[in-house]
Amino acid sequence: AHVPPGTRSIVVTMYDPDAPTGGLGWTHWEVVNIPPSETSIQKGASGDVGRMPAGALETLTDFGESKYGGPCPPKGESHR
């Protein structure tokens, strides 16, 4: 909601700044080219082109795949 006029596409990024990667963080998911008319992405749509918004593309994550990769924080460490 409230997308600025003239917006051509939306990007969603799920990034973990606390990942133990020497300060580089970790990208869990990124979707680009989402039409500004879209208001949601279906639950479970990652990896299923037919369920993603038309034209949207999932980019390569730090898991080495173009789909959502869930959290896996190290045990015993503080993690947001």
N, C-alpha and C. Protein backbone atom coordinates (compact mmCIF):
# COMPACT_ATOMS: atom_id res chain seq x y z
N ALA A 1 0.85 -1.19 0.00
CA ALA A 1 0.00 0.00 0.00
C ALA A 1 0.88 1.25 0.00
N HIS A 2 0.34 2.31 -0.45
CA HIS A 2 1.00 3.62 -0.44
C HIS A 2 2.28 3.66 -1.28
N VAL A 3 2.25 3.00 -2.42
CA VAL A 3 3.39 3.02 -3.33
C VAL A 3 3.44 4.41 -3.99
N PRO A 4 4.60 5.04 -4.01
CA PRO A 4 4.70 6.37 -4.59
C PRO A 4 4.31 6.38 -6.08
N PRO A 5 3.65 7.45 -6.53
CA PRO A 5 3.31 7.56 -7.95
C PRO A 5 4.57 7.45 -8.82
N GLY A 6 4.45 6.79 -9.94
CA GLY A 6 5.57 6.64 -10.86
C GLY A 6 6.46 5.44 -10.56
N THR A 7 6.16 4.69 -9.49
CA THR A 7 6.96 3.50 -9.16
C THR A 7 6.84 2.50 -10.29
N ARG A 8 7.96 2.00 -10.77
CA ARG A 8 7.94 1.05 -11.89
C ARG A 8 8.01 -0.40 -11.43
N SER A 9 8.63 -0.65 -10.29
CA SER A 9 8.66 -2.00 -9.75
C SER A 9 9.08 -1.93 -8.29
N ILE A 10 8.85 -3.05 -7.60
CA ILE A 10 9.19 -3.15 -6.18
C ILE A 10 10.18 -4.29 -5.99
N VAL A 11 11.06 -4.14 -5.01
CA VAL A 11 12.01 -5.18 -4.64
C VAL A 11 11.77 -5.53 -3.17
N VAL A 12 11.74 -6.82 -2.86
CA VAL A 12 11.67 -7.29 -1.48
C VAL A 12 12.97 -8.01 -1.18
N THR A 13 13.62 -7.61 -0.08
CA THR A 13 14.87 -8.23 0.34
C THR A 13 14.74 -8.71 1.78
N MET A 14 15.10 -9.95 2.02
CA MET A 14 15.19 -10.48 3.38
C MET A 14 16.67 -10.71 3.66
N TYR A 15 17.22 -9.84 4.48
CA TYR A 15 18.66 -9.80 4.74
C TYR A 15 18.90 -9.90 6.24
N ASP A 16 19.84 -10.71 6.65
CA ASP A 16 20.19 -10.90 8.06
C ASP A 16 21.54 -10.26 8.33
N PRO A 17 21.56 -9.11 9.00
CA PRO A 17 22.84 -8.46 9.28
C PRO A 17 23.64 -9.15 10.38
N ASP A 18 23.00 -10.05 11.14
CA ASP A 18 23.67 -10.72 12.26
C ASP A 18 24.31 -12.05 11.90
N ALA A 19 24.18 -12.49 10.67
CA ALA A 19 24.76 -13.78 10.28
C ALA A 19 26.27 -13.78 10.51
N PRO A 20 26.81 -14.90 10.99
CA PRO A 20 28.24 -14.97 11.29
C PRO A 20 29.08 -15.12 10.02
N THR A 21 29.16 -14.04 9.27
CA THR A 21 29.88 -14.05 7.99
C THR A 21 30.99 -12.99 7.96
N GLY A 22 31.48 -12.63 9.13
CA GLY A 22 32.54 -11.62 9.17
C GLY A 22 32.05 -10.23 8.84
N GLY A 23 30.80 -9.94 9.16
CA GLY A 23 30.25 -8.61 8.92
C GLY A 23 29.53 -8.44 7.60
N LEU A 24 29.50 -9.48 6.78
CA LEU A 24 28.85 -9.36 5.47
C LEU A 24 27.34 -9.59 5.51
N GLY A 25 26.83 -10.21 6.58
CA GLY A 25 25.42 -10.53 6.64
C GLY A 25 25.07 -11.68 5.70
N TRP A 26 23.76 -11.91 5.53
CA TRP A 26 23.30 -13.05 4.73
C TRP A 26 21.97 -12.70 4.07
N THR A 27 21.89 -12.87 2.76
CA THR A 27 20.63 -12.64 2.04
C THR A 27 19.86 -13.94 1.97
N HIS A 28 18.68 -13.94 2.61
CA HIS A 28 17.81 -15.12 2.63
C HIS A 28 16.89 -15.17 1.42
N TRP A 29 16.53 -13.99 0.89
CA TRP A 29 15.57 -13.97 -0.22
C TRP A 29 15.58 -12.58 -0.84
N GLU A 30 15.45 -12.54 -2.15
CA GLU A 30 15.29 -11.27 -2.85
C GLU A 30 14.41 -11.51 -4.07
N VAL A 31 13.39 -10.67 -4.18
CA VAL A 31 12.47 -10.73 -5.32
C VAL A 31 12.48 -9.35 -5.97
N VAL A 32 12.72 -9.30 -7.26
CA VAL A 32 12.79 -8.04 -8.00
C VAL A 32 11.69 -8.01 -9.06
N ASN A 33 11.47 -6.82 -9.58
CA ASN A 33 10.53 -6.61 -10.68
C ASN A 33 9.08 -6.95 -10.29
N ILE A 34 8.73 -6.72 -9.03
CA ILE A 34 7.35 -6.93 -8.58
C ILE A 34 6.52 -5.75 -9.08
N PRO A 35 5.43 -6.00 -9.79
CA PRO A 35 4.59 -4.89 -10.27
C PRO A 35 4.09 -4.05 -9.09
N PRO A 36 4.09 -2.72 -9.21
CA PRO A 36 3.66 -1.87 -8.10
C PRO A 36 2.18 -2.04 -7.74
N SER A 37 1.42 -2.70 -8.58
CA SER A 37 0.01 -2.95 -8.28
C SER A 37 -0.18 -4.14 -7.34
N GLU A 38 0.87 -4.95 -7.14
CA GLU A 38 0.78 -6.11 -6.25
C GLU A 38 0.77 -5.66 -4.80
N THR A 39 -0.03 -6.32 -3.98
CA THR A 39 -0.09 -5.98 -2.56
C THR A 39 0.40 -7.12 -1.67
N SER A 40 0.69 -8.27 -2.27
CA SER A 40 1.18 -9.40 -1.47
C SER A 40 1.83 -10.43 -2.38
N ILE A 41 2.55 -11.34 -1.73
CA ILE A 41 3.11 -12.52 -2.40
C ILE A 41 2.52 -13.72 -1.66
N GLN A 42 2.01 -14.67 -2.40
CA GLN A 42 1.39 -15.84 -1.79
C GLN A 42 2.36 -16.60 -0.89
N LYS A 43 1.87 -17.07 0.22
CA LYS A 43 2.66 -17.93 1.10
C LYS A 43 3.07 -19.17 0.30
N GLY A 44 4.34 -19.53 0.36
CA GLY A 44 4.84 -20.70 -0.35
C GLY A 44 5.10 -20.48 -1.83
N ALA A 45 5.06 -19.23 -2.29
CA ALA A 45 5.24 -18.95 -3.72
C ALA A 45 6.70 -19.07 -4.17
N SER A 46 7.63 -18.94 -3.25
CA SER A 46 9.04 -19.00 -3.63
C SER A 46 9.36 -20.31 -4.32
N GLY A 47 10.03 -20.21 -5.45
CA GLY A 47 10.40 -21.40 -6.22
C GLY A 47 9.31 -21.87 -7.16
N ASP A 48 8.17 -21.20 -7.16
CA ASP A 48 7.03 -21.58 -8.00
C ASP A 48 6.62 -20.38 -8.85
N VAL A 49 7.15 -20.30 -10.05
CA VAL A 49 6.91 -19.14 -10.93
C VAL A 49 5.42 -18.86 -11.12
N GLY A 50 4.60 -19.89 -11.16
CA GLY A 50 3.17 -19.72 -11.35
C GLY A 50 2.47 -19.06 -10.19
N ARG A 51 3.08 -19.07 -9.01
CA ARG A 51 2.47 -18.46 -7.83
C ARG A 51 3.06 -17.10 -7.48
N MET A 52 4.19 -16.76 -8.12
CA MET A 52 4.79 -15.45 -7.89
C MET A 52 4.03 -14.41 -8.70
N PRO A 53 4.11 -13.12 -8.31
CA PRO A 53 3.47 -12.08 -9.11
C PRO A 53 4.02 -12.11 -10.54
N ALA A 54 3.17 -11.82 -11.51
CA ALA A 54 3.58 -11.84 -12.92
C ALA A 54 4.77 -10.92 -13.13
N GLY A 55 5.83 -11.45 -13.73
CA GLY A 55 7.02 -10.66 -14.04
C GLY A 55 8.06 -10.62 -12.94
N ALA A 56 7.69 -11.01 -11.72
CA ALA A 56 8.64 -10.99 -10.60
C ALA A 56 9.70 -12.08 -10.77
N LEU A 57 10.92 -11.76 -10.33
CA LEU A 57 12.03 -12.70 -10.43
C LEU A 57 12.71 -12.86 -9.08
N GLU A 58 13.00 -14.09 -8.70
CA GLU A 58 13.77 -14.34 -7.50
C GLU A 58 15.25 -14.36 -7.90
N THR A 59 16.07 -13.63 -7.17
CA THR A 59 17.49 -13.56 -7.50
C THR A 59 18.28 -14.56 -6.66
N LEU A 60 19.52 -14.74 -7.01
CA LEU A 60 20.41 -15.66 -6.31
C LEU A 60 20.65 -15.17 -4.88
N THR A 61 20.47 -16.05 -3.90
CA THR A 61 20.70 -15.70 -2.50
C THR A 61 22.06 -16.22 -2.05
N ASP A 62 22.37 -15.98 -0.78
CA ASP A 62 23.63 -16.49 -0.23
C ASP A 62 23.60 -18.00 -0.02
N PHE A 63 22.44 -18.63 -0.20
CA PHE A 63 22.35 -20.09 -0.19
C PHE A 63 22.76 -20.67 -1.54
N GLY A 64 22.92 -19.78 -2.54
CA GLY A 64 23.31 -20.24 -3.88
C GLY A 64 22.13 -20.66 -4.72
N GLU A 65 20.91 -20.28 -4.31
CA GLU A 65 19.71 -20.64 -5.05
C GLU A 65 18.85 -19.41 -5.25
N SER A 66 17.98 -19.46 -6.24
CA SER A 66 17.06 -18.37 -6.51
C SER A 66 15.70 -18.69 -5.91
N LYS A 67 15.68 -18.82 -4.59
CA LYS A 67 14.44 -19.04 -3.84
C LYS A 67 14.73 -18.76 -2.37
N TYR A 68 13.66 -18.69 -1.57
CA TYR A 68 13.80 -18.38 -0.15
C TYR A 68 14.57 -19.46 0.58
N GLY A 69 15.46 -19.03 1.45
CA GLY A 69 16.19 -19.93 2.34
C GLY A 69 15.95 -19.48 3.77
N GLY A 70 15.43 -20.34 4.60
CA GLY A 70 15.03 -19.99 5.95
C GLY A 70 16.16 -19.71 6.90
N PRO A 71 15.81 -19.25 8.10
CA PRO A 71 16.81 -18.89 9.10
C PRO A 71 17.50 -20.13 9.67
N CYS A 72 18.75 -19.95 10.04
CA CYS A 72 19.50 -21.02 10.70
C CYS A 72 20.58 -20.38 11.57
N PRO A 73 20.14 -19.59 12.59
CA PRO A 73 21.13 -18.91 13.44
C PRO A 73 21.94 -19.89 14.26
N PRO A 74 23.17 -19.53 14.56
CA PRO A 74 24.02 -20.40 15.38
C PRO A 74 23.45 -20.49 16.80
N LYS A 75 23.55 -21.66 17.41
CA LYS A 75 23.04 -21.87 18.76
C LYS A 75 23.88 -21.10 19.77
N GLY A 76 23.17 -20.54 20.77
CA GLY A 76 23.85 -19.89 21.88
C GLY A 76 24.32 -18.49 21.63
N GLU A 77 24.17 -17.95 20.43
CA GLU A 77 24.61 -16.58 20.15
C GLU A 77 23.40 -15.67 20.04
N SER A 78 23.58 -14.42 20.41
CA SER A 78 22.52 -13.42 20.27
C SER A 78 22.26 -13.19 18.78
N HIS A 79 20.99 -13.19 18.42
CA HIS A 79 20.65 -13.07 17.00
C HIS A 79 19.26 -12.43 16.88
N ARG A 80 19.17 -11.35 16.12
CA ARG A 80 17.86 -10.70 15.92
C ARG A 80 17.02 -11.51 14.98
